[in-house]
Amino acid sequence: MPKPAKKKLTSIQLTTDTRDRLYKLKFRKTYDEFLSELCDLYEESQEEE
């Protein structure tokens, strides 16, 4: 059975206060999924301007 491709991951340093605020917002998503959606929303808002 072939091994699944590994994602290249990085680390982002956050203060504990910011991490706790993000945790409350992301619900049952991973941080990667949540931040990707946030980037998408930002890009969409920039296109509208």
C-alpha atoms as a PDB file:
ATOM      1  CA  MET A   1       0.000   0.000   0.000  1.00  0.00           C
ATOM      2  CA  PRO A   2       1.527   3.395  -0.984  1.00  0.00           C
ATOM      3  CA  LYS A   3       2.133   5.961   1.712  1.00  0.00           C
ATOM      4  CA  PRO A   4      -0.029   9.096   1.578  1.00  0.00           C
ATOM      5  CA  ALA A   5       1.789  12.276   0.555  1.00  0.00           C
ATOM      6  CA  LYS A   6       2.933  14.320   3.527  1.00  0.00           C
ATOM      7  CA  LYS A   7       1.979  17.966   3.772  1.00  0.00           C
ATOM      8  CA  LYS A   8       4.785  20.440   4.238  1.00  0.00           C
ATOM      9  CA  LEU A   9       4.043  22.200   7.510  1.00  0.00           C
ATOM     10  CA  THR A  10       5.495  25.282   9.125  1.00  0.00           C
ATOM     11  CA  SER A  11       5.177  26.711  12.585  1.00  0.00           C
ATOM     12  CA  ILE A  12       3.691  30.094  13.389  1.00  0.00           C
ATOM     13  CA  GLN A  13       4.444  31.725  16.685  1.00  0.00           C
ATOM     14  CA  LEU A  14       1.482  33.261  18.498  1.00  0.00           C
ATOM     15  CA  THR A  15       0.993  34.708  21.918  1.00  0.00           C
ATOM     16  CA  THR A  16      -1.088  32.524  24.196  1.00  0.00           C
ATOM     17  CA  ASP A  17      -3.808  35.200  24.197  1.00  0.00           C
ATOM     18  CA  THR A  18      -4.050  35.106  20.396  1.00  0.00           C
ATOM     19  CA  ARG A  19      -3.990  31.313  20.344  1.00  0.00           C
ATOM     20  CA  ASP A  20      -6.832  31.205  22.870  1.00  0.00           C
ATOM     21  CA  ARG A  21      -8.885  33.681  20.829  1.00  0.00           C
ATOM     22  CA  LEU A  22      -8.335  31.657  17.658  1.00  0.00           C
ATOM     23  CA  TYR A  23      -9.292  28.467  19.453  1.00  0.00           C
ATOM     24  CA  LYS A  24     -12.670  29.970  20.378  1.00  0.00           C
ATOM     25  CA  LEU A  25     -13.304  30.934  16.740  1.00  0.00           C
ATOM     26  CA  LYS A  26     -12.231  27.801  14.914  1.00  0.00           C
ATOM     27  CA  PHE A  27     -14.765  25.376  16.444  1.00  0.00           C
ATOM     28  CA  ARG A  28     -14.084  21.834  15.182  1.00  0.00           C
ATOM     29  CA  LYS A  29     -11.727  22.777  12.355  1.00  0.00           C
ATOM     30  CA  THR A  30      -7.986  22.479  12.309  1.00  0.00           C
ATOM     31  CA  TYR A  31      -6.019  25.706  12.550  1.00  0.00           C
ATOM     32  CA  ASP A  32      -4.927  25.160   8.940  1.00  0.00           C
ATOM     33  CA  GLU A  33      -8.538  24.869   7.712  1.00  0.00           C
ATOM     34  CA  PHE A  34      -9.623  27.879   9.757  1.00  0.00           C
ATOM     35  CA  LEU A  35      -6.767  30.102   8.600  1.00  0.00           C
ATOM     36  CA  SER A  36      -7.237  29.029   4.990  1.00  0.00           C
ATOM     37  CA  GLU A  37     -10.910  30.050   5.154  1.00  0.00           C
ATOM     38  CA  LEU A  38      -9.911  33.336   6.753  1.00  0.00           C
ATOM     39  CA  CYS A  39      -7.466  34.014   3.917  1.00  0.00           C
ATOM     40  CA  ASP A  40     -10.173  33.193   1.365  1.00  0.00           C
ATOM     41  CA  LEU A  41     -12.566  35.652   2.999  1.00  0.00           C
ATOM     42  CA  TYR A  42      -9.912  38.344   3.045  1.00  0.00           C
ATOM     43  CA  GLU A  43      -9.053  37.814  -0.614  1.00  0.00           C
ATOM     44  CA  GLU A  44     -12.739  37.949  -1.567  1.00  0.00           C
ATOM     45  CA  SER A  45     -13.187  41.208   0.344  1.00  0.00           C
ATOM     46  CA  GLN A  46     -10.188  42.716  -1.467  1.00  0.00           C
ATOM     47  CA  GLU A  47     -11.614  41.778  -4.854  1.00  0.00           C
ATOM     48  CA  GLU A  48     -14.875  43.570  -4.010  1.00  0.00           C
ATOM     49  CA  GLU A  49     -13.095  46.861  -3.256  1.00  0.00           C
END
